[in-house]
Amino acid sequence: MAVDALGTKGVIVGGLIAALCIFGGHILNIVLGAMAILVHGIRLNTLEFSGHAGVRWAGIAFKPFSKRAEKLSPEEITG
């Protein structure tokens, strides 16, 4: 048993450490969930309403199953 190996104080300290780890994990999960809501909301607003301001987004269209006639150079990929 843990009490035989650690004693009563060791079990109490271990339980407190475990409780703090679980509590910290839950807090981290809640904070990351809130950040996801905030970041995705900002991203959607930026993309949806940037067209009204005349902003054009640059980049290469994602076409995973299309064939290209020529290969892209590294300069074209990175911009």
PDB file of N, CA and C in Angstrom:
ATOM      1  N   MET A   1       0.821  -1.186   0.000  1.00  0.00           N
ATOM      2  CA  MET A   1       0.000   0.000   0.000  1.00  0.00           C
ATOM      3  C   MET A   1       0.870   1.257   0.000  1.00  0.00           C
ATOM      4  N   ALA A   2       0.282   2.341  -0.440  1.00  0.00           N
ATOM      5  CA  ALA A   2       1.017   3.606  -0.492  1.00  0.00           C
ATOM      6  C   ALA A   2       1.297   4.137   0.902  1.00  0.00           C
ATOM      7  N   VAL A   3       0.409   3.861   1.844  1.00  0.00           N
ATOM      8  CA  VAL A   3       0.612   4.358   3.203  1.00  0.00           C
ATOM      9  C   VAL A   3       1.840   3.707   3.827  1.00  0.00           C
ATOM     10  N   ASP A   4       2.054   2.430   3.566  1.00  0.00           N
ATOM     11  CA  ASP A   4       3.226   1.745   4.092  1.00  0.00           C
ATOM     12  C   ASP A   4       4.516   2.306   3.499  1.00  0.00           C
ATOM     13  N   ALA A   5       4.494   2.648   2.213  1.00  0.00           N
ATOM     14  CA  ALA A   5       5.702   3.129   1.558  1.00  0.00           C
ATOM     15  C   ALA A   5       5.981   4.596   1.863  1.00  0.00           C
ATOM     16  N   LEU A   6       4.969   5.416   1.862  1.00  0.00           N
ATOM     17  CA  LEU A   6       5.173   6.862   1.991  1.00  0.00           C
ATOM     18  C   LEU A   6       4.769   7.423   3.349  1.00  0.00           C
ATOM     19  N   GLY A   7       3.943   6.745   4.038  1.00  0.00           N
ATOM     20  CA  GLY A   7       3.423   7.285   5.279  1.00  0.00           C
ATOM     21  C   GLY A   7       2.201   8.134   4.995  1.00  0.00           C
ATOM     22  N   THR A   8       1.517   8.529   6.033  1.00  0.00           N
ATOM     23  CA  THR A   8       0.286   9.301   5.882  1.00  0.00           C
ATOM     24  C   THR A   8       0.533  10.661   5.257  1.00  0.00           C
ATOM     25  N   LYS A   9       1.620  11.331   5.658  1.00  0.00           N
ATOM     26  CA  LYS A   9       1.920  12.658   5.104  1.00  0.00           C
ATOM     27  C   LYS A   9       2.241  12.572   3.612  1.00  0.00           C
ATOM     28  N   GLY A  10       2.928  11.519   3.214  1.00  0.00           N
ATOM     29  CA  GLY A  10       3.262  11.347   1.794  1.00  0.00           C
ATOM     30  C   GLY A  10       2.042  11.148   0.934  1.00  0.00           C
ATOM     31  N   VAL A  11       1.080  10.408   1.466  1.00  0.00           N
ATOM     32  CA  VAL A  11      -0.158  10.190   0.717  1.00  0.00           C
ATOM     33  C   VAL A  11      -0.944  11.484   0.598  1.00  0.00           C
ATOM     34  N   ILE A  12      -0.976  12.267   1.652  1.00  0.00           N
ATOM     35  CA  ILE A  12      -1.690  13.554   1.615  1.00  0.00           C
ATOM     36  C   ILE A  12      -1.031  14.497   0.618  1.00  0.00           C
ATOM     37  N   VAL A  13       0.298  14.584   0.664  1.00  0.00           N
ATOM     38  CA  VAL A  13       1.020  15.458  -0.271  1.00  0.00           C
ATOM     39  C   VAL A  13       0.834  14.966  -1.703  1.00  0.00           C
ATOM     40  N   GLY A  14       0.906  13.661  -1.913  1.00  0.00           N
ATOM     41  CA  GLY A  14       0.685  13.114  -3.253  1.00  0.00           C
ATOM     42  C   GLY A  14      -0.718  13.395  -3.758  1.00  0.00           C
ATOM     43  N   GLY A  15      -1.710  13.285  -2.857  1.00  0.00           N
ATOM     44  CA  GLY A  15      -3.084  13.590  -3.243  1.00  0.00           C
ATOM     45  C   GLY A  15      -3.266  15.055  -3.600  1.00  0.00           C
ATOM     46  N   LEU A  16      -2.602  15.927  -2.846  1.00  0.00           N
ATOM     47  CA  LEU A  16      -2.686  17.360  -3.168  1.00  0.00           C
ATOM     48  C   LEU A  16      -2.040  17.670  -4.510  1.00  0.00           C
ATOM     49  N   ILE A  17      -0.904  17.043  -4.773  1.00  0.00           N
ATOM     50  CA  ILE A  17      -0.230  17.254  -6.062  1.00  0.00           C
ATOM     51  C   ILE A  17      -1.100  16.746  -7.205  1.00  0.00           C
ATOM     52  N   ALA A  18      -1.711  15.570  -7.013  1.00  0.00           N
ATOM     53  CA  ALA A  18      -2.601  15.027  -8.048  1.00  0.00           C
ATOM     54  C   ALA A  18      -3.802  15.940  -8.269  1.00  0.00           C
ATOM     55  N   ALA A  19      -4.382  16.453  -7.176  1.00  0.00           N
ATOM     56  CA  ALA A  19      -5.533  17.354  -7.304  1.00  0.00           C
ATOM     57  C   ALA A  19      -5.143  18.639  -8.029  1.00  0.00           C
ATOM     58  N   LEU A  20      -3.951  19.181  -7.733  1.00  0.00           N
ATOM     59  CA  LEU A  20      -3.493  20.388  -8.423  1.00  0.00           C
ATOM     60  C   LEU A  20      -3.257  20.128  -9.907  1.00  0.00           C
ATOM     61  N   CYS A  21      -2.724  18.954 -10.249  1.00  0.00           N
ATOM     62  CA  CYS A  21      -2.512  18.616 -11.662  1.00  0.00           C
ATOM     63  C   CYS A  21      -3.837  18.506 -12.404  1.00  0.00           C
ATOM     64  N   ILE A  22      -4.816  17.859 -11.779  1.00  0.00           N
ATOM     65  CA  ILE A  22      -6.129  17.728 -12.412  1.00  0.00           C
ATOM     66  C   ILE A  22      -6.788  19.096 -12.557  1.00  0.00           C
ATOM     67  N   PHE A  23      -6.736  19.903 -11.515  1.00  0.00           N
ATOM     68  CA  PHE A  23      -7.311  21.253 -11.556  1.00  0.00           C
ATOM     69  C   PHE A  23      -6.621  22.094 -12.631  1.00  0.00           C
ATOM     70  N   GLY A  24      -5.292  22.030 -12.686  1.00  0.00           N
ATOM     71  CA  GLY A  24      -4.543  22.780 -13.699  1.00  0.00           C
ATOM     72  C   GLY A  24      -4.888  22.334 -15.109  1.00  0.00           C
ATOM     73  N   GLY A  25      -5.075  21.028 -15.305  1.00  0.00           N
ATOM     74  CA  GLY A  25      -5.463  20.520 -16.620  1.00  0.00           C
ATOM     75  C   GLY A  25      -6.830  21.023 -17.049  1.00  0.00           C
ATOM     76  N   HIS A  26      -7.769  21.071 -16.110  1.00  0.00           N
ATOM     77  CA  HIS A  26      -9.096  21.579 -16.426  1.00  0.00           C
ATOM     78  C   HIS A  26      -9.045  23.072 -16.756  1.00  0.00           C
ATOM     79  N   ILE A  27      -8.277  23.824 -16.002  1.00  0.00           N
ATOM     80  CA  ILE A  27      -8.150  25.262 -16.275  1.00  0.00           C
ATOM     81  C   ILE A  27      -7.527  25.479 -17.650  1.00  0.00           C
ATOM     82  N   LEU A  28      -6.481  24.712 -17.981  1.00  0.00           N
ATOM     83  CA  LEU A  28      -5.851  24.826 -19.296  1.00  0.00           C
ATOM     84  C   LEU A  28      -6.847  24.509 -20.405  1.00  0.00           C
ATOM     85  N   ASN A  29      -7.660  23.482 -20.212  1.00  0.00           N
ATOM     86  CA  ASN A  29      -8.659  23.112 -21.202  1.00  0.00           C
ATOM     87  C   ASN A  29      -9.682  24.231 -21.395  1.00  0.00           C
ATOM     88  N   ILE A  30     -10.130  24.831 -20.328  1.00  0.00           N
ATOM     89  CA  ILE A  30     -11.100  25.929 -20.419  1.00  0.00           C
ATOM     90  C   ILE A  30     -10.487  27.139 -21.120  1.00  0.00           C
ATOM     91  N   VAL A  31      -9.252  27.473 -20.784  1.00  0.00           N
ATOM     92  CA  VAL A  31      -8.579  28.628 -21.401  1.00  0.00           C
ATOM     93  C   VAL A  31      -8.358  28.391 -22.889  1.00  0.00           C
ATOM     94  N   LEU A  32      -7.922  27.185 -23.267  1.00  0.00           N
ATOM     95  CA  LEU A  32      -7.710  26.895 -24.689  1.00  0.00           C
ATOM     96  C   LEU A  32      -9.027  26.894 -25.464  1.00  0.00           C
ATOM     97  N   GLY A  33     -10.091  26.423 -24.843  1.00  0.00           N
ATOM     98  CA  GLY A  33     -11.405  26.480 -25.494  1.00  0.00           C
ATOM     99  C   GLY A  33     -11.857  27.908 -25.727  1.00  0.00           C
ATOM    100  N   ALA A  34     -11.648  28.767 -24.730  1.00  0.00           N
ATOM    101  CA  ALA A  34     -12.009  30.183 -24.883  1.00  0.00           C
ATOM    102  C   ALA A  34     -11.152  30.851 -25.957  1.00  0.00           C
ATOM    103  N   MET A  35      -9.874  30.507 -26.001  1.00  0.00           N
ATOM    104  CA  MET A  35      -9.003  31.071 -27.039  1.00  0.00           C
ATOM    105  C   MET A  35      -9.444  30.625 -28.425  1.00  0.00           C
ATOM    106  N   ALA A  36      -9.878  29.362 -28.553  1.00  0.00           N
ATOM    107  CA  ALA A  36     -10.331  28.869 -29.853  1.00  0.00           C
ATOM    108  C   ALA A  36     -11.556  29.644 -30.332  1.00  0.00           C
ATOM    109  N   ILE A  37     -12.476  29.911 -29.419  1.00  0.00           N
ATOM    110  CA  ILE A  37     -13.663  30.694 -29.776  1.00  0.00           C
ATOM    111  C   ILE A  37     -13.251  32.084 -30.252  1.00  0.00           C
ATOM    112  N   LEU A  38     -12.358  32.722 -29.529  1.00  0.00           N
ATOM    113  CA  LEU A  38     -11.919  34.075 -29.865  1.00  0.00           C
ATOM    114  C   LEU A  38     -11.163  34.099 -31.190  1.00  0.00           C
ATOM    115  N   VAL A  39     -10.210  33.197 -31.358  1.00  0.00           N
ATOM    116  CA  VAL A  39      -9.376  33.201 -32.565  1.00  0.00           C
ATOM    117  C   VAL A  39     -10.206  32.890 -33.803  1.00  0.00           C
ATOM    118  N   HIS A  40     -11.084  31.908 -33.731  1.00  0.00           N
ATOM    119  CA  HIS A  40     -11.879  31.559 -34.909  1.00  0.00           C
ATOM    120  C   HIS A  40     -12.900  32.644 -35.233  1.00  0.00           C
ATOM    121  N   GLY A  41     -13.428  33.293 -34.215  1.00  0.00           N
ATOM    122  CA  GLY A  41     -14.326  34.413 -34.477  1.00  0.00           C
ATOM    123  C   GLY A  41     -13.632  35.558 -35.186  1.00  0.00           C
ATOM    124  N   ILE A  42     -12.433  35.878 -34.738  1.00  0.00           N
ATOM    125  CA  ILE A  42     -11.665  36.946 -35.385  1.00  0.00           C
ATOM    126  C   ILE A  42     -11.303  36.556 -36.809  1.00  0.00           C
ATOM    127  N   ARG A  43     -10.904  35.288 -36.995  1.00  0.00           N
ATOM    128  CA  ARG A  43     -10.530  34.823 -38.329  1.00  0.00           C
ATOM    129  C   ARG A  43     -11.721  34.913 -39.288  1.00  0.00           C
ATOM    130  N   LEU A  44     -12.885  34.451 -38.850  1.00  0.00           N
ATOM    131  CA  LEU A  44     -14.053  34.504 -39.718  1.00  0.00           C
ATOM    132  C   LEU A  44     -14.452  35.939 -40.038  1.00  0.00           C
ATOM    133  N   ASN A  45     -14.434  36.804 -39.067  1.00  0.00           N
ATOM    134  CA  ASN A  45     -14.772  38.207 -39.331  1.00  0.00           C
ATOM    135  C   ASN A  45     -13.784  38.834 -40.294  1.00  0.00           C
ATOM    136  N   THR A  46     -12.506  38.517 -40.130  1.00  0.00           N
ATOM    137  CA  THR A  46     -11.484  39.070 -41.028  1.00  0.00           C
ATOM    138  C   THR A  46     -11.712  38.604 -42.454  1.00  0.00           C
ATOM    139  N   LEU A  47     -11.965  37.309 -42.632  1.00  0.00           N
ATOM    140  CA  LEU A  47     -12.137  36.794 -43.989  1.00  0.00           C
ATOM    141  C   LEU A  47     -13.443  37.240 -44.621  1.00  0.00           C
ATOM    142  N   GLU A  48     -14.514  37.268 -43.840  1.00  0.00           N
ATOM    143  CA  GLU A  48     -15.822  37.602 -44.401  1.00  0.00           C
ATOM    144  C   GLU A  48     -15.926  39.083 -44.778  1.00  0.00           C
ATOM    145  N   PHE A  49     -15.384  39.948 -43.969  1.00  0.00           N
ATOM    146  CA  PHE A  49     -15.601  41.372 -44.182  1.00  0.00           C
ATOM    147  C   PHE A  49     -14.420  42.084 -44.832  1.00  0.00           C
ATOM    148  N   SER A  50     -13.346  41.352 -45.125  1.00  0.00           N
ATOM    149  CA  SER A  50     -12.212  41.999 -45.786  1.00  0.00           C
ATOM    150  C   SER A  50     -12.530  42.344 -47.231  1.00  0.00           C
ATOM    151  N   GLY A  51     -13.455  41.613 -47.832  1.00  0.00           N
ATOM    152  CA  GLY A  51     -13.848  41.915 -49.207  1.00  0.00           C
ATOM    153  C   GLY A  51     -14.508  43.277 -49.326  1.00  0.00           C
ATOM    154  N   HIS A  52     -15.182  43.726 -48.278  1.00  0.00           N
ATOM    155  CA  HIS A  52     -15.823  45.047 -48.299  1.00  0.00           C
ATOM    156  C   HIS A  52     -14.784  46.162 -48.280  1.00  0.00           C
ATOM    157  N   ALA A  53     -13.611  45.871 -47.764  1.00  0.00           N
ATOM    158  CA  ALA A  53     -12.542  46.869 -47.702  1.00  0.00           C
ATOM    159  C   ALA A  53     -11.622  46.789 -48.918  1.00  0.00           C
ATOM    160  N   GLY A  54     -11.892  45.865 -49.816  1.00  0.00           N
ATOM    161  CA  GLY A  54     -11.078  45.741 -51.016  1.00  0.00           C
ATOM    162  C   GLY A  54      -9.784  44.968 -50.807  1.00  0.00           C
ATOM    163  N   VAL A  55      -9.708  44.190 -49.748  1.00  0.00           N
ATOM    164  CA  VAL A  55      -8.505  43.407 -49.475  1.00  0.00           C
ATOM    165  C   VAL A  55      -8.573  42.116 -50.276  1.00  0.00           C
ATOM    166  N   ARG A  56      -7.488  41.787 -50.955  1.00  0.00           N
ATOM    167  CA  ARG A  56      -7.407  40.520 -51.695  1.00  0.00           C
ATOM    168  C   ARG A  56      -6.342  39.665 -51.030  1.00  0.00           C
ATOM    169  N   TRP A  57      -6.680  38.425 -50.750  1.00  0.00           N
ATOM    170  CA  TRP A  57      -5.747  37.516 -50.099  1.00  0.00           C
ATOM    171  C   TRP A  57      -4.953  36.778 -51.157  1.00  0.00           C
ATOM    172  N   ALA A  58      -3.632  36.755 -50.996  1.00  0.00           N
ATOM    173  CA  ALA A  58      -2.755  36.094 -51.947  1.00  0.00           C
ATOM    174  C   ALA A  58      -2.489  34.665 -51.487  1.00  0.00           C
ATOM    175  N   GLY A  59      -2.007  33.869 -52.395  1.00  0.00           N
ATOM    176  CA  GLY A  59      -1.657  32.498 -52.033  1.00  0.00           C
ATOM    177  C   GLY A  59      -1.889  31.562 -53.201  1.00  0.00           C
ATOM    178  N   ILE A  60      -1.588  30.323 -52.981  1.00  0.00           N
ATOM    179  CA  ILE A  60      -1.768  29.294 -53.986  1.00  0.00           C
ATOM    180  C   ILE A  60      -3.027  28.518 -53.621  1.00  0.00           C
ATOM    181  N   ALA A  61      -3.908  28.336 -54.589  1.00  0.00           N
ATOM    182  CA  ALA A  61      -5.135  27.596 -54.332  1.00  0.00           C
ATOM    183  C   ALA A  61      -4.809  26.153 -53.975  1.00  0.00           C
ATOM    184  N   PHE A  62      -5.499  25.615 -52.994  1.00  0.00           N
ATOM    185  CA  PHE A  62      -5.283  24.249 -52.551  1.00  0.00           C
ATOM    186  C   PHE A  62      -6.084  23.308 -53.444  1.00  0.00           C
ATOM    187  N   LYS A  63      -5.373  22.577 -54.289  1.00  0.00           N
ATOM    188  CA  LYS A  63      -6.000  21.602 -55.184  1.00  0.00           C
ATOM    189  C   LYS A  63      -5.233  20.292 -55.046  1.00  0.00           C
ATOM    190  N   PRO A  64      -5.562  19.482 -54.075  1.00  0.00           N
ATOM    191  CA  PRO A  64      -4.752  18.304 -53.792  1.00  0.00           C
ATOM    192  C   PRO A  64      -4.806  17.232 -54.869  1.00  0.00           C
ATOM    193  N   PHE A  65      -5.872  17.160 -55.661  1.00  0.00           N
ATOM    194  CA  PHE A  65      -5.985  16.088 -56.636  1.00  0.00           C
ATOM    195  C   PHE A  65      -5.858  16.570 -58.072  1.00  0.00           C
ATOM    196  N   SER A  66      -5.381  17.788 -58.278  1.00  0.00           N
ATOM    197  CA  SER A  66      -5.217  18.290 -59.631  1.00  0.00           C
ATOM    198  C   SER A  66      -3.765  18.102 -60.070  1.00  0.00           C
ATOM    199  N   LYS A  67      -3.585  17.970 -61.361  1.00  0.00           N
ATOM    200  CA  LYS A  67      -2.237  17.841 -61.912  1.00  0.00           C
ATOM    201  C   LYS A  67      -1.822  19.181 -62.480  1.00  0.00           C
ATOM    202  N   ARG A  68      -0.554  19.499 -62.297  1.00  0.00           N
ATOM    203  CA  ARG A  68      -0.014  20.752 -62.826  1.00  0.00           C
ATOM    204  C   ARG A  68       0.871  20.442 -64.031  1.00  0.00           C
ATOM    205  N   ALA A  69       0.846  21.352 -64.978  1.00  0.00           N
ATOM    206  CA  ALA A  69       1.667  21.169 -66.170  1.00  0.00           C
ATOM    207  C   ALA A  69       3.142  21.409 -65.847  1.00  0.00           C
ATOM    208  N   GLU A  70       3.427  22.330 -64.949  1.00  0.00           N
ATOM    209  CA  GLU A  70       4.813  22.647 -64.600  1.00  0.00           C
ATOM    210  C   GLU A  70       4.990  22.582 -63.093  1.00  0.00           C
ATOM    211  N   LYS A  71       6.208  22.397 -62.689  1.00  0.00           N
ATOM    212  CA  LYS A  71       6.536  22.373 -61.260  1.00  0.00           C
ATOM    213  C   LYS A  71       6.718  23.807 -60.775  1.00  0.00           C
ATOM    214  N   LEU A  72       6.376  24.051 -59.521  1.00  0.00           N
ATOM    215  CA  LEU A  72       6.565  25.372 -58.926  1.00  0.00           C
ATOM    216  C   LEU A  72       7.978  25.469 -58.374  1.00  0.00           C
ATOM    217  N   SER A  73       8.569  26.642 -58.513  1.00  0.00           N
ATOM    218  CA  SER A  73       9.879  26.875 -57.909  1.00  0.00           C
ATOM    219  C   SER A  73       9.688  27.230 -56.430  1.00  0.00           C
ATOM    220  N   PRO A  74      10.725  27.066 -55.608  1.00  0.00           N
ATOM    221  CA  PRO A  74      10.585  27.438 -54.192  1.00  0.00           C
ATOM    222  C   PRO A  74      10.231  28.903 -53.979  1.00  0.00           C
ATOM    223  N   GLU A  75      10.667  29.777 -54.889  1.00  0.00           N
ATOM    224  CA  GLU A  75      10.346  31.186 -54.754  1.00  0.00           C
ATOM    225  C   GLU A  75       8.842  31.433 -54.954  1.00  0.00           C
ATOM    226  N   GLU A  76       8.222  30.676 -55.867  1.00  0.00           N
ATOM    227  CA  GLU A  76       6.788  30.830 -56.098  1.00  0.00           C
ATOM    228  C   GLU A  76       5.970  30.329 -54.915  1.00  0.00           C
ATOM    229  N   ILE A  77       6.464  29.300 -54.249  1.00  0.00           N
ATOM    230  CA  ILE A  77       5.732  28.720 -53.125  1.00  0.00           C
ATOM    231  C   ILE A  77       5.784  29.640 -51.920  1.00  0.00           C
ATOM    232  N   THR A  78       6.984  30.156 -51.590  1.00  0.00           N
ATOM    233  CA  THR A  78       7.137  30.981 -50.401  1.00  0.00           C
ATOM    234  C   THR A  78       6.736  32.429 -50.648  1.00  0.00           C
ATOM    235  N   GLY A  79       6.639  32.832 -51.880  1.00  0.00           N
ATOM    236  CA  GLY A  79       6.199  34.198 -52.181  1.00  0.00           C
ATOM    237  C   GLY A  79       7.332  35.112 -52.219  1.00  0.00           C
TER     238      GLY A  79
END
